[in-house]
Every structure is written in structure tokens, then in C-alpha cells.
N, C-alpha and C. Protein backbone atom coordinates (compact mmCIF):
# COMPACT_ATOMS: atom_id res chain seq x y z
N MET A 1 143.29 62.41 93.63
CA MET A 1 142.16 61.88 94.39
C MET A 1 141.79 62.78 95.56
N VAL A 2 142.83 63.20 96.29
CA VAL A 2 142.60 64.08 97.43
C VAL A 2 141.98 65.39 96.97
N LYS A 3 142.51 65.90 95.84
CA LYS A 3 142.02 67.16 95.31
C LYS A 3 140.54 67.03 94.92
N GLU A 4 140.17 65.89 94.29
CA GLU A 4 138.77 65.69 93.89
C GLU A 4 137.87 65.62 95.11
N THR A 5 138.36 64.97 96.19
CA THR A 5 137.56 64.86 97.43
C THR A 5 137.34 66.23 98.05
N LEU A 6 138.39 67.05 98.06
CA LEU A 6 138.27 68.39 98.62
C LEU A 6 137.26 69.23 97.83
N ILE A 7 137.34 69.10 96.50
CA ILE A 7 136.42 69.85 95.66
C ILE A 7 134.98 69.41 95.91
N LYS A 8 134.80 68.05 96.00
CA LYS A 8 133.47 67.50 96.24
C LYS A 8 132.91 67.99 97.57
N ASN A 9 133.75 67.95 98.62
CA ASN A 9 133.31 68.40 99.95
C ASN A 9 132.98 69.89 99.95
N GLY A 10 133.79 70.65 99.22
CA GLY A 10 133.55 72.09 99.13
C GLY A 10 132.22 72.40 98.46
N LEU A 11 131.93 71.64 97.38
CA LEU A 11 130.67 71.85 96.69
C LEU A 11 129.48 71.48 97.57
N MET A 12 129.65 70.39 98.34
CA MET A 12 128.56 69.97 99.24
C MET A 12 128.31 71.02 100.32
N LEU A 13 129.40 71.55 100.88
CA LEU A 13 129.26 72.59 101.90
C LEU A 13 128.58 73.84 101.33
N SER A 14 128.95 74.18 100.10
CA SER A 14 128.35 75.34 99.46
C SER A 14 126.85 75.13 99.25
N ALA A 15 126.51 73.91 98.82
CA ALA A 15 125.10 73.59 98.59
C ALA A 15 124.31 73.66 99.88
N PHE A 16 124.89 73.10 100.96
CA PHE A 16 124.22 73.16 102.26
C PHE A 16 124.03 74.61 102.71
N ALA A 17 125.04 75.44 102.48
CA ALA A 17 124.97 76.84 102.87
C ALA A 17 123.86 77.56 102.11
N ILE A 18 123.76 77.29 100.80
CA ILE A 18 122.73 77.93 99.99
C ILE A 18 121.33 77.51 100.44
N VAL A 19 121.18 76.19 100.65
CA VAL A 19 119.88 75.68 101.10
C VAL A 19 119.52 76.24 102.46
N GLY A 20 120.51 76.29 103.38
CA GLY A 20 120.27 76.82 104.72
C GLY A 20 119.86 78.28 104.68
N THR A 21 120.55 79.06 103.86
CA THR A 21 120.21 80.48 103.72
C THR A 21 118.80 80.66 103.18
N ALA A 22 118.45 79.84 102.19
CA ALA A 22 117.12 79.93 101.59
C ALA A 22 116.04 79.59 102.62
N LEU A 23 116.29 78.55 103.43
CA LEU A 23 115.32 78.16 104.45
C LEU A 23 115.15 79.26 105.49
N ILE A 24 116.26 79.89 105.89
CA ILE A 24 116.19 80.98 106.87
C ILE A 24 115.39 82.15 106.31
N ALA A 25 115.64 82.46 105.04
CA ALA A 25 114.92 83.57 104.39
C ALA A 25 113.43 83.28 104.32
N LEU A 26 113.08 82.03 103.95
CA LEU A 26 111.67 81.67 103.87
C LEU A 26 111.01 81.73 105.24
N THR A 27 111.71 81.25 106.26
CA THR A 27 111.18 81.28 107.62
C THR A 27 110.96 82.70 108.08
N TYR A 28 111.96 83.58 107.79
CA TYR A 28 111.85 84.99 108.19
C TYR A 28 110.67 85.66 107.51
N ASN A 29 110.54 85.43 106.20
CA ASN A 29 109.45 86.05 105.46
C ASN A 29 108.09 85.58 105.96
N GLY A 30 108.01 84.27 106.24
CA GLY A 30 106.75 83.73 106.75
C GLY A 30 106.42 84.30 108.11
N THR A 31 107.42 84.43 108.98
CA THR A 31 107.21 84.99 110.31
C THR A 31 106.82 86.45 110.22
N ALA A 32 107.51 87.21 109.34
CA ALA A 32 107.21 88.63 109.16
C ALA A 32 105.77 88.82 108.68
N ASP A 33 105.32 87.95 107.76
CA ASP A 33 103.96 88.04 107.26
C ASP A 33 102.95 87.77 108.37
N ARG A 34 103.24 86.77 109.22
CA ARG A 34 102.33 86.45 110.31
C ARG A 34 102.26 87.59 111.30
N ILE A 35 103.41 88.19 111.61
CA ILE A 35 103.44 89.31 112.54
C ILE A 35 102.65 90.49 111.98
N ALA A 36 102.84 90.78 110.70
CA ALA A 36 102.12 91.88 110.06
C ALA A 36 100.61 91.63 110.10
N GLN A 37 100.20 90.38 109.85
CA GLN A 37 98.78 90.05 109.87
C GLN A 37 98.22 90.19 111.28
N GLN A 38 98.98 89.77 112.29
CA GLN A 38 98.55 89.90 113.68
C GLN A 38 98.40 91.37 114.07
N GLN A 39 99.35 92.20 113.63
CA GLN A 39 99.29 93.62 113.92
C GLN A 39 98.07 94.26 113.26
N LYS A 40 97.79 93.83 112.03
CA LYS A 40 96.62 94.35 111.32
C LYS A 40 95.34 93.99 112.06
N GLN A 41 95.21 92.73 112.48
CA GLN A 41 94.02 92.30 113.19
C GLN A 41 93.86 93.03 114.52
N LYS A 42 94.98 93.28 115.20
CA LYS A 42 94.92 94.01 116.47
C LYS A 42 94.45 95.43 116.23
N LEU A 43 94.97 96.07 115.17
CA LEU A 43 94.57 97.43 114.87
C LEU A 43 93.08 97.50 114.52
N LEU A 44 92.60 96.56 113.70
CA LEU A 44 91.19 96.54 113.35
C LEU A 44 90.31 96.41 114.59
N SER A 45 90.73 95.55 115.51
CA SER A 45 89.98 95.36 116.75
C SER A 45 89.96 96.64 117.57
N ILE A 46 91.11 97.30 117.67
CA ILE A 46 91.21 98.52 118.47
C ILE A 46 90.41 99.65 117.85
N LEU A 47 90.43 99.78 116.52
CA LEU A 47 89.63 100.81 115.88
C LEU A 47 88.16 100.66 116.24
N ASN A 48 87.68 99.43 116.29
CA ASN A 48 86.28 99.19 116.66
C ASN A 48 86.02 99.50 118.13
N GLU A 49 87.07 99.42 118.95
CA GLU A 49 86.90 99.71 120.37
C GLU A 49 86.88 101.21 120.66
N VAL A 50 87.64 101.98 119.89
CA VAL A 50 87.75 103.42 120.20
C VAL A 50 86.76 104.28 119.41
N VAL A 51 86.11 103.73 118.41
CA VAL A 51 85.05 104.45 117.69
C VAL A 51 83.85 103.52 117.57
N PRO A 52 82.77 103.78 118.31
CA PRO A 52 81.59 102.91 118.28
C PRO A 52 80.99 102.81 116.88
N HIS A 53 80.38 101.68 116.60
CA HIS A 53 79.79 101.44 115.27
C HIS A 53 78.74 102.49 114.92
N GLU A 54 78.01 102.97 115.93
CA GLU A 54 76.93 103.91 115.65
C GLU A 54 77.45 105.28 115.19
N LEU A 55 78.76 105.50 115.31
CA LEU A 55 79.33 106.77 114.88
C LEU A 55 79.94 106.72 113.48
N HIS A 56 79.72 105.65 112.77
CA HIS A 56 80.21 105.62 111.38
C HIS A 56 79.47 104.58 110.56
N ASP A 57 79.27 104.92 109.29
CA ASP A 57 78.72 103.95 108.35
C ASP A 57 79.72 103.63 107.25
N ASN A 58 80.94 104.13 107.40
CA ASN A 58 82.02 103.80 106.47
C ASN A 58 82.97 102.81 107.14
N GLU A 59 83.89 102.25 106.35
CA GLU A 59 84.90 101.36 106.90
C GLU A 59 86.07 102.21 107.39
N LEU A 60 86.30 102.22 108.70
CA LEU A 60 87.34 103.07 109.27
C LEU A 60 88.70 102.82 108.62
N TYR A 61 89.04 101.54 108.45
CA TYR A 61 90.37 101.20 107.97
C TYR A 61 90.59 101.62 106.51
N ALA A 62 89.48 101.96 105.84
CA ALA A 62 89.60 102.32 104.42
C ALA A 62 89.48 103.81 104.18
N ASP A 63 89.56 104.61 105.26
CA ASP A 63 89.45 106.07 105.13
C ASP A 63 90.42 106.70 106.12
N CYS A 64 91.58 107.15 105.63
CA CYS A 64 92.57 107.68 106.55
C CYS A 64 93.48 108.70 105.88
N THR A 65 94.22 109.39 106.71
CA THR A 65 95.30 110.22 106.22
C THR A 65 96.51 109.98 107.13
N SER A 66 97.68 110.41 106.68
CA SER A 66 98.91 110.21 107.44
C SER A 66 99.43 111.57 107.88
N VAL A 67 99.90 111.63 109.13
CA VAL A 67 100.23 112.91 109.76
C VAL A 67 101.63 112.87 110.35
N VAL A 68 102.36 113.96 110.21
CA VAL A 68 103.63 114.13 110.91
C VAL A 68 103.52 115.39 111.77
N SER A 69 103.61 115.23 113.07
CA SER A 69 103.52 116.37 113.99
C SER A 69 104.19 116.01 115.31
N SER A 70 104.91 116.95 115.87
CA SER A 70 105.54 116.73 117.18
C SER A 70 104.48 116.52 118.26
N ASN A 71 103.28 117.01 118.05
CA ASN A 71 102.21 116.82 119.02
C ASN A 71 101.76 115.36 119.12
N LEU A 72 102.16 114.56 118.14
CA LEU A 72 101.82 113.14 118.17
C LEU A 72 102.96 112.30 118.72
N GLY A 73 103.97 112.96 119.29
CA GLY A 73 105.00 112.27 120.05
C GLY A 73 106.33 112.11 119.39
N THR A 74 106.33 111.84 118.10
CA THR A 74 107.58 111.69 117.34
C THR A 74 107.38 112.32 115.97
N GLN A 75 108.44 112.44 115.21
CA GLN A 75 108.35 112.98 113.85
C GLN A 75 108.11 111.88 112.82
N GLU A 76 107.76 110.70 113.28
CA GLU A 76 107.37 109.62 112.37
C GLU A 76 105.91 109.80 111.97
N PRO A 77 105.53 109.33 110.78
CA PRO A 77 104.12 109.44 110.38
C PRO A 77 103.19 108.66 111.31
N HIS A 78 102.07 109.26 111.63
CA HIS A 78 101.00 108.61 112.38
C HIS A 78 99.74 108.65 111.53
N THR A 79 98.91 107.64 111.66
CA THR A 79 97.70 107.54 110.84
C THR A 79 96.48 108.03 111.60
N ALA A 80 95.64 108.77 110.92
CA ALA A 80 94.35 109.20 111.46
C ALA A 80 93.25 108.55 110.63
N TYR A 81 92.45 107.70 111.27
CA TYR A 81 91.32 107.02 110.60
C TYR A 81 90.06 107.85 110.83
N ARG A 82 89.25 107.99 109.76
CA ARG A 82 88.14 108.92 109.79
C ARG A 82 86.79 108.22 109.76
N ALA A 83 85.96 108.53 110.76
CA ALA A 83 84.61 107.98 110.84
C ALA A 83 83.64 109.00 110.28
N ARG A 84 82.74 108.52 109.41
CA ARG A 84 81.76 109.41 108.78
C ARG A 84 80.38 108.77 108.82
N ILE A 85 79.37 109.63 108.85
CA ILE A 85 77.97 109.18 108.72
C ILE A 85 77.38 109.93 107.54
N ASN A 86 76.94 109.18 106.56
CA ASN A 86 76.43 109.78 105.31
C ASN A 86 77.44 110.76 104.71
N GLY A 87 78.71 110.42 104.83
CA GLY A 87 79.77 111.24 104.25
C GLY A 87 80.21 112.41 105.11
N GLU A 88 79.51 112.67 106.22
CA GLU A 88 79.85 113.80 107.08
C GLU A 88 80.77 113.37 108.21
N PRO A 89 81.73 114.21 108.60
CA PRO A 89 82.66 113.87 109.68
C PRO A 89 81.93 113.55 110.98
N ALA A 90 82.35 112.49 111.65
CA ALA A 90 81.74 112.11 112.92
C ALA A 90 82.77 111.90 114.02
N ALA A 91 83.90 111.29 113.67
CA ALA A 91 84.90 111.00 114.69
C ALA A 91 86.23 110.64 114.03
N LEU A 92 87.27 110.63 114.83
CA LEU A 92 88.61 110.24 114.38
C LEU A 92 89.19 109.20 115.33
N ALA A 93 89.99 108.32 114.77
CA ALA A 93 90.83 107.43 115.58
C ALA A 93 92.26 107.72 115.14
N ILE A 94 93.01 108.41 115.98
CA ILE A 94 94.33 108.88 115.58
C ILE A 94 95.42 108.20 116.39
N GLU A 95 96.46 107.78 115.70
CA GLU A 95 97.60 107.17 116.36
C GLU A 95 98.48 108.25 117.00
N ALA A 96 99.10 107.92 118.11
CA ALA A 96 100.05 108.82 118.77
C ALA A 96 101.09 107.97 119.49
N THR A 97 102.17 108.61 119.87
CA THR A 97 103.25 107.91 120.58
C THR A 97 103.60 108.67 121.85
N ALA A 98 103.67 107.95 122.95
CA ALA A 98 104.23 108.51 124.18
C ALA A 98 105.71 108.17 124.17
N PRO A 99 106.59 109.14 123.90
CA PRO A 99 108.01 108.83 123.74
C PRO A 99 108.76 108.68 125.06
N ASP A 100 108.09 109.00 126.15
CA ASP A 100 108.76 109.05 127.45
C ASP A 100 108.24 108.00 128.42
N GLY A 101 107.84 106.85 127.89
CA GLY A 101 107.48 105.75 128.76
C GLY A 101 108.69 105.27 129.56
N TYR A 102 108.48 104.53 130.59
CA TYR A 102 109.58 104.06 131.44
C TYR A 102 110.56 103.21 130.66
N SER A 103 110.03 102.41 129.72
CA SER A 103 110.89 101.50 128.95
C SER A 103 110.89 101.81 127.46
N GLY A 104 110.53 103.05 127.11
CA GLY A 104 110.56 103.42 125.70
C GLY A 104 109.22 103.90 125.19
N ASP A 105 109.08 103.91 123.88
CA ASP A 105 107.86 104.41 123.25
C ASP A 105 106.64 103.57 123.61
N ILE A 106 105.50 104.25 123.73
CA ILE A 106 104.21 103.59 123.92
C ILE A 106 103.31 104.03 122.78
N ALA A 107 102.90 103.10 121.95
CA ALA A 107 102.05 103.41 120.79
C ALA A 107 100.59 103.37 121.21
N LEU A 108 99.84 104.42 120.84
CA LEU A 108 98.46 104.57 121.27
C LEU A 108 97.53 104.82 120.08
N VAL A 109 96.25 104.58 120.29
CA VAL A 109 95.20 105.01 119.38
C VAL A 109 94.14 105.71 120.22
N ILE A 110 93.78 106.94 119.80
CA ILE A 110 92.82 107.74 120.54
C ILE A 110 91.59 107.98 119.67
N GLY A 111 90.42 107.65 120.19
CA GLY A 111 89.18 107.91 119.48
C GLY A 111 88.53 109.17 120.05
N VAL A 112 88.11 110.08 119.17
CA VAL A 112 87.51 111.34 119.62
C VAL A 112 86.47 111.78 118.60
N ASP A 113 85.31 112.27 119.07
CA ASP A 113 84.30 112.73 118.12
C ASP A 113 84.54 114.19 117.75
N THR A 114 83.70 114.73 116.89
CA THR A 114 83.91 116.08 116.38
C THR A 114 83.65 117.15 117.43
N GLN A 115 83.02 116.77 118.55
CA GLN A 115 82.82 117.72 119.65
C GLN A 115 83.92 117.62 120.70
N MET A 116 84.96 116.85 120.38
CA MET A 116 86.12 116.65 121.26
C MET A 116 85.78 115.87 122.52
N ASN A 117 84.83 114.95 122.39
CA ASN A 117 84.56 113.99 123.46
C ASN A 117 85.39 112.73 123.19
N VAL A 118 86.14 112.30 124.16
CA VAL A 118 87.00 111.12 123.98
C VAL A 118 86.13 109.86 123.99
N LEU A 119 86.26 109.08 122.92
CA LEU A 119 85.48 107.86 122.77
C LEU A 119 86.20 106.64 123.33
N GLY A 120 87.52 106.72 123.40
CA GLY A 120 88.30 105.61 123.93
C GLY A 120 89.76 105.77 123.60
N VAL A 121 90.60 105.16 124.40
CA VAL A 121 92.05 105.13 124.17
C VAL A 121 92.51 103.69 124.37
N ARG A 122 93.38 103.23 123.49
CA ARG A 122 93.94 101.90 123.64
C ARG A 122 95.44 101.93 123.32
N VAL A 123 96.14 100.97 123.89
CA VAL A 123 97.58 100.82 123.66
C VAL A 123 97.80 99.82 122.53
N LEU A 124 98.55 100.24 121.53
CA LEU A 124 98.90 99.35 120.43
C LEU A 124 100.13 98.51 120.75
N GLU A 125 101.13 99.15 121.37
CA GLU A 125 102.40 98.46 121.63
C GLU A 125 103.15 99.18 122.75
N HIS A 126 103.83 98.42 123.59
CA HIS A 126 104.64 99.01 124.66
C HIS A 126 105.64 97.99 125.16
N LYS A 127 106.59 98.47 125.98
CA LYS A 127 107.59 97.60 126.59
C LYS A 127 107.70 97.90 128.09
N GLU A 128 106.59 98.33 128.68
CA GLU A 128 106.60 98.71 130.08
C GLU A 128 106.74 97.49 131.00
N THR A 129 107.14 97.73 132.23
CA THR A 129 107.47 96.67 133.18
C THR A 129 106.24 95.84 133.55
N PRO A 130 106.30 94.53 133.38
CA PRO A 130 105.19 93.67 133.81
C PRO A 130 104.91 93.84 135.31
N GLY A 131 103.62 93.95 135.63
CA GLY A 131 103.24 94.10 137.03
C GLY A 131 103.24 95.54 137.50
N LEU A 132 103.77 96.45 136.71
CA LEU A 132 103.80 97.87 137.08
C LEU A 132 103.22 98.70 135.93
N GLY A 133 104.07 99.06 134.99
CA GLY A 133 103.64 99.90 133.89
C GLY A 133 102.68 99.25 132.93
N ASP A 134 102.63 97.91 132.91
CA ASP A 134 101.77 97.25 131.93
C ASP A 134 100.29 97.37 132.27
N LYS A 135 99.96 98.06 133.35
CA LYS A 135 98.55 98.30 133.69
C LYS A 135 97.86 99.22 132.69
N ILE A 136 98.62 99.76 131.75
CA ILE A 136 98.01 100.53 130.67
C ILE A 136 97.28 99.63 129.68
N GLU A 137 97.52 98.33 129.75
CA GLU A 137 96.83 97.37 128.89
C GLU A 137 95.45 97.06 129.44
N LEU A 138 94.44 97.09 128.59
CA LEU A 138 93.08 96.80 129.02
C LEU A 138 92.94 95.38 129.55
N ALA A 139 93.75 94.46 129.03
CA ALA A 139 93.68 93.07 129.48
C ALA A 139 94.17 92.91 130.91
N ILE A 140 94.90 93.89 131.42
CA ILE A 140 95.47 93.79 132.76
C ILE A 140 94.76 94.71 133.75
N SER A 141 94.33 95.89 133.27
CA SER A 141 93.69 96.87 134.14
C SER A 141 92.71 97.69 133.31
N ASP A 142 91.69 98.25 133.99
CA ASP A 142 90.75 99.11 133.27
C ASP A 142 91.17 100.58 133.32
N TRP A 143 92.41 100.85 133.74
CA TRP A 143 92.87 102.24 133.87
C TRP A 143 92.71 103.01 132.56
N ILE A 144 93.01 102.39 131.43
CA ILE A 144 92.98 103.07 130.14
C ILE A 144 91.57 103.55 129.80
N THR A 145 90.54 102.96 130.41
CA THR A 145 89.16 103.39 130.13
C THR A 145 88.80 104.68 130.85
N SER A 146 89.69 105.17 131.72
CA SER A 146 89.40 106.42 132.44
C SER A 146 89.35 107.63 131.51
N PHE A 147 89.86 107.48 130.28
CA PHE A 147 89.77 108.58 129.30
C PHE A 147 88.39 108.66 128.66
N THR A 148 87.70 107.53 128.57
CA THR A 148 86.44 107.44 127.85
C THR A 148 85.39 108.37 128.45
N GLY A 149 84.78 109.16 127.57
CA GLY A 149 83.71 110.04 128.00
C GLY A 149 84.15 111.43 128.44
N LYS A 150 85.45 111.65 128.56
CA LYS A 150 85.94 112.96 128.98
C LYS A 150 85.90 113.93 127.81
N HIS A 151 85.51 115.16 128.11
CA HIS A 151 85.49 116.21 127.10
C HIS A 151 86.81 116.97 127.16
N PHE A 152 87.39 117.20 126.00
CA PHE A 152 88.66 117.92 125.95
C PHE A 152 88.44 119.38 125.63
N SER A 153 89.08 120.24 126.44
CA SER A 153 88.99 121.67 126.23
C SER A 153 90.30 122.32 126.64
N VAL A 154 90.76 123.27 125.84
CA VAL A 154 92.00 123.97 126.17
C VAL A 154 91.88 124.70 127.50
N SER A 155 90.68 125.13 127.84
CA SER A 155 90.48 125.86 129.09
C SER A 155 90.61 124.96 130.32
N ALA A 156 90.65 123.64 130.09
CA ALA A 156 90.75 122.70 131.22
C ALA A 156 91.98 121.81 131.09
N LEU A 157 93.04 122.33 130.51
CA LEU A 157 94.25 121.52 130.32
C LEU A 157 94.85 120.98 131.62
N PRO A 158 94.81 121.72 132.74
CA PRO A 158 95.43 121.21 133.96
C PRO A 158 94.90 119.85 134.44
N VAL A 159 93.66 119.51 134.08
CA VAL A 159 93.12 118.22 134.53
C VAL A 159 93.74 117.06 133.76
N TRP A 160 94.38 117.35 132.62
CA TRP A 160 94.96 116.29 131.80
C TRP A 160 96.37 115.96 132.27
N GLN A 161 96.43 115.54 133.53
CA GLN A 161 97.66 115.09 134.17
C GLN A 161 97.29 114.00 135.17
N VAL A 162 98.29 113.30 135.68
CA VAL A 162 98.02 112.35 136.76
C VAL A 162 97.77 113.14 138.05
N LYS A 163 97.12 112.53 139.00
CA LYS A 163 96.75 113.21 140.23
C LYS A 163 97.97 113.74 140.99
N LYS A 164 99.06 113.02 140.90
CA LYS A 164 100.28 113.45 141.58
C LYS A 164 100.75 114.82 141.07
N ASP A 165 100.39 115.15 139.82
CA ASP A 165 100.78 116.42 139.21
C ASP A 165 99.65 117.44 139.22
N GLY A 166 98.54 117.09 139.89
CA GLY A 166 97.43 118.02 140.00
C GLY A 166 96.29 117.76 139.03
N GLY A 167 96.33 116.64 138.31
CA GLY A 167 95.29 116.33 137.34
C GLY A 167 94.24 115.37 137.86
N GLU A 168 93.50 114.75 136.93
CA GLU A 168 92.38 113.88 137.28
C GLU A 168 92.68 112.38 137.16
N PHE A 169 93.82 112.02 136.59
CA PHE A 169 94.06 110.62 136.27
C PHE A 169 94.92 109.94 137.33
N ASP A 170 94.52 108.73 137.71
CA ASP A 170 95.27 107.96 138.70
C ASP A 170 96.64 107.58 138.16
N GLN A 171 97.62 107.58 139.05
CA GLN A 171 98.90 106.97 138.72
C GLN A 171 98.90 105.55 139.30
N PHE A 172 99.91 104.76 138.96
CA PHE A 172 100.00 103.41 139.46
C PHE A 172 100.89 103.39 140.71
N THR A 173 100.58 102.51 141.62
CA THR A 173 101.44 102.34 142.78
C THR A 173 102.82 101.89 142.35
N GLY A 174 103.82 102.67 142.65
CA GLY A 174 105.19 102.32 142.29
C GLY A 174 105.54 102.58 140.84
N ALA A 175 104.62 103.21 140.09
CA ALA A 175 104.91 103.46 138.67
C ALA A 175 104.12 104.68 138.21
N THR A 176 104.73 105.83 138.34
CA THR A 176 104.08 107.08 137.91
C THR A 176 104.48 107.46 136.49
N ILE A 177 105.68 107.08 136.08
CA ILE A 177 106.21 107.52 134.79
C ILE A 177 105.32 107.06 133.63
N THR A 178 104.89 105.81 133.67
CA THR A 178 104.10 105.27 132.55
C THR A 178 102.76 105.98 132.39
N PRO A 179 101.92 106.06 133.43
CA PRO A 179 100.64 106.76 133.24
C PRO A 179 100.82 108.24 132.92
N ARG A 180 101.85 108.86 133.49
CA ARG A 180 102.12 110.27 133.18
C ARG A 180 102.42 110.43 131.69
N ALA A 181 103.20 109.51 131.13
CA ALA A 181 103.55 109.58 129.72
C ALA A 181 102.32 109.39 128.84
N VAL A 182 101.45 108.46 129.20
CA VAL A 182 100.25 108.19 128.40
C VAL A 182 99.29 109.37 128.45
N VAL A 183 99.05 109.90 129.64
CA VAL A 183 98.13 111.05 129.76
C VAL A 183 98.65 112.23 128.94
N SER A 184 99.94 112.49 129.02
CA SER A 184 100.53 113.59 128.27
C SER A 184 100.39 113.37 126.77
N ALA A 185 100.62 112.15 126.31
CA ALA A 185 100.51 111.85 124.88
C ALA A 185 99.08 112.01 124.39
N VAL A 186 98.11 111.57 125.18
CA VAL A 186 96.71 111.72 124.81
C VAL A 186 96.34 113.20 124.75
N LYS A 187 96.75 113.96 125.75
CA LYS A 187 96.47 115.40 125.77
C LYS A 187 97.04 116.09 124.53
N ASN A 188 98.28 115.80 124.21
CA ASN A 188 98.92 116.45 123.06
C ASN A 188 98.26 116.05 121.74
N ALA A 189 97.84 114.79 121.64
CA ALA A 189 97.15 114.34 120.43
C ALA A 189 95.81 115.05 120.29
N LEU A 190 95.11 115.23 121.40
CA LEU A 190 93.82 115.92 121.35
C LEU A 190 93.99 117.40 121.00
N LEU A 191 95.07 118.00 121.47
CA LEU A 191 95.38 119.38 121.06
C LEU A 191 95.56 119.46 119.55
N TYR A 192 96.26 118.47 119.01
CA TYR A 192 96.48 118.46 117.56
C TYR A 192 95.16 118.30 116.81
N VAL A 193 94.32 117.38 117.27
CA VAL A 193 93.03 117.16 116.62
C VAL A 193 92.18 118.43 116.67
N GLN A 194 92.14 119.07 117.83
CA GLN A 194 91.32 120.27 117.97
C GLN A 194 91.75 121.37 116.99
N ASP A 195 93.05 121.50 116.79
CA ASP A 195 93.57 122.55 115.91
C ASP A 195 93.53 122.18 114.43
N ASN A 196 93.38 120.88 114.13
CA ASN A 196 93.52 120.45 112.73
C ASN A 196 92.37 119.55 112.26
N GLN A 197 91.27 119.57 112.97
CA GLN A 197 90.18 118.64 112.67
C GLN A 197 89.69 118.77 111.23
N GLN A 198 89.44 119.98 110.77
CA GLN A 198 88.94 120.17 109.42
C GLN A 198 89.93 119.66 108.37
N THR A 199 91.20 119.94 108.60
CA THR A 199 92.24 119.48 107.67
C THR A 199 92.32 117.96 107.64
N LEU A 200 92.21 117.34 108.79
CA LEU A 200 92.29 115.88 108.86
C LEU A 200 91.16 115.22 108.08
N PHE A 201 89.97 115.79 108.15
CA PHE A 201 88.83 115.20 107.45
C PHE A 201 88.85 115.48 105.95
N SER A 202 89.45 116.60 105.55
CA SER A 202 89.42 116.97 104.13
C SER A 202 90.63 116.48 103.35
N ALA A 203 91.64 115.97 104.03
CA ALA A 203 92.84 115.50 103.34
C ALA A 203 92.52 114.29 102.46
N PRO A 204 93.27 114.08 101.38
CA PRO A 204 93.03 112.93 100.50
C PRO A 204 93.10 111.61 101.25
N ASN A 205 92.29 110.66 100.82
CA ASN A 205 92.28 109.34 101.45
C ASN A 205 93.51 108.54 101.04
N LEU A 206 94.25 108.06 102.01
CA LEU A 206 95.46 107.28 101.74
C LEU A 206 95.30 105.81 102.12
N CYS A 207 94.10 105.42 102.52
CA CYS A 207 93.89 104.05 103.00
C CYS A 207 92.75 103.37 102.27
N GLY A 208 92.77 103.42 100.95
CA GLY A 208 91.77 102.68 100.21
C GLY A 208 91.85 101.21 100.52
N ILE A 209 90.78 100.50 100.29
CA ILE A 209 90.74 99.06 100.61
C ILE A 209 91.87 98.33 99.93
N GLU A 210 92.22 98.78 98.72
CA GLU A 210 93.29 98.09 97.99
C GLU A 210 94.64 98.26 98.69
N ASN A 211 94.78 99.31 99.53
CA ASN A 211 96.04 99.53 100.23
C ASN A 211 96.16 98.70 101.49
N ASP A 212 95.03 98.11 101.94
CA ASP A 212 95.06 97.14 103.03
C ASP A 212 95.75 97.69 104.27
N LEU A 213 95.28 98.84 104.75
CA LEU A 213 95.78 99.43 105.98
C LEU A 213 97.22 99.94 105.87
N LEU A 214 97.66 100.21 104.67
CA LEU A 214 99.03 100.71 104.51
C LEU A 214 98.99 102.08 103.84
N PRO A 215 99.02 103.16 104.65
CA PRO A 215 99.00 104.49 104.05
C PRO A 215 100.21 104.70 103.15
N THR A 216 100.06 105.58 102.16
CA THR A 216 101.18 105.91 101.29
C THR A 216 102.11 106.87 102.02
N ASN A 217 103.14 107.33 101.34
CA ASN A 217 104.11 108.23 101.95
C ASN A 217 103.66 109.68 101.98
N GLU A 218 102.49 109.97 101.38
CA GLU A 218 101.98 111.33 101.42
C GLU A 218 101.45 111.62 102.82
N VAL A 219 101.97 112.66 103.46
CA VAL A 219 101.57 112.95 104.83
C VAL A 219 101.25 114.41 105.00
N LEU A 220 100.41 114.68 105.99
CA LEU A 220 100.17 116.05 106.43
C LEU A 220 101.26 116.39 107.43
N SER A 221 101.81 117.56 107.34
CA SER A 221 102.85 117.96 108.29
C SER A 221 102.65 119.40 108.72
N GLU A 222 103.20 119.72 109.86
CA GLU A 222 103.09 121.08 110.38
C GLU A 222 104.02 122.02 109.62
């Protein structure tokens, strides 16, 4: 009798464990899907912010290539979305990473036209200190809009620094590391675009609508 009770209890515990594991897995998958969808919607919104509608008649999210370059901050693939008018190159929205933020990596998207005029910069993700470094977020400060409208030229590289280092961009009170990291990442990304613009526009499309904003593993590399 005791043996049968132990077996019964063991089976019940096993069943509870299986059900519990299944519920956790379902919850995790559901949460992961929601997070992925939120990230997709944020990216779509940012693409529209950094490349004006009048500069493209194609769907930005459906025309891209994937890039690996140290100029983009890390050796991880970054995506470059391509804006075209009547099939002709008009602008790029390229992802970059500032690896030297105060609290870690800062993920960025930089919009730039074919004449190297900056159309906009936005932050995709960061872990900077609230009240200090988080001023890179447009929702908190308009500092990130200071890039908009600036023309990039190799002959004027010294201006692409914070004012404390002799450049044109404001630093934050009590927080210089974060804006310095962002300005440097934007400058390096623009250097990459200037040197590789033709290649970026002519590379095979890795972001067809069926891929739903998920580039394949084929990447351009230095």
C-alpha cells in the first residue's frame, strides 16, 4: 500500500513538473514574440523618422543589406536600409553601435542622403543612466536632433566631437561619456557610408517583404 502511494505521488509530481515546464515555455515564447513585435514596430517608426517620406518611393524595410565592419562599432552584422526614388539611390538608414557608452553598447540608426547630409539619428536601445546619459533619447531630450541637417565631410572631421573635445556637439552636464560615444559612432558610420555607398546600394536585397525585417546571414564585410 505504501509503495503504491509513493508511486502515485511520484507520478503526480512528474505530471505537475511537465505541465509547469510546458506553461513556462509557452509563456516565454509568447513574451519573446511580443518583444520581437515591439522591436519591429520601434524600428519601423525610427526608419520613418530618419529618412523622410519624400526621399523614397520604396518600402525601406523591404530593401536592405547586412554589413560587418569595425566602423559600425562591433563585428556583429548591422543592417543598412536603402531609400530609392524611381529605383535610383536616394538615402540610407544604417544601423551602428556605440560600444563605449557609460553603461554598455548604444544601438543607433543613422539616416543620410547620397550627398552625405545627415537626415536624422535615433537610438534603438541603450542602458545609460536615467537622468544623465538617457538624454540621448528623443523622448527625454532633443539633443539627438543636433545631427540633423549636418553635412559630413572628411575635411571637417574635427567638428564631429563633443565641444569638450573641440567639436560642435554639446555634452551633458555630469555626463560626457555617453554623448562622446554617440558622436563618435555616428562619425565612424558616416565614414563607412562615404567609402562604401555604391556597394551598399548595389548589394543583393536581403530584406524582402517575406523576410519581415529579418536579413539573411549573407553580409558585406571589409
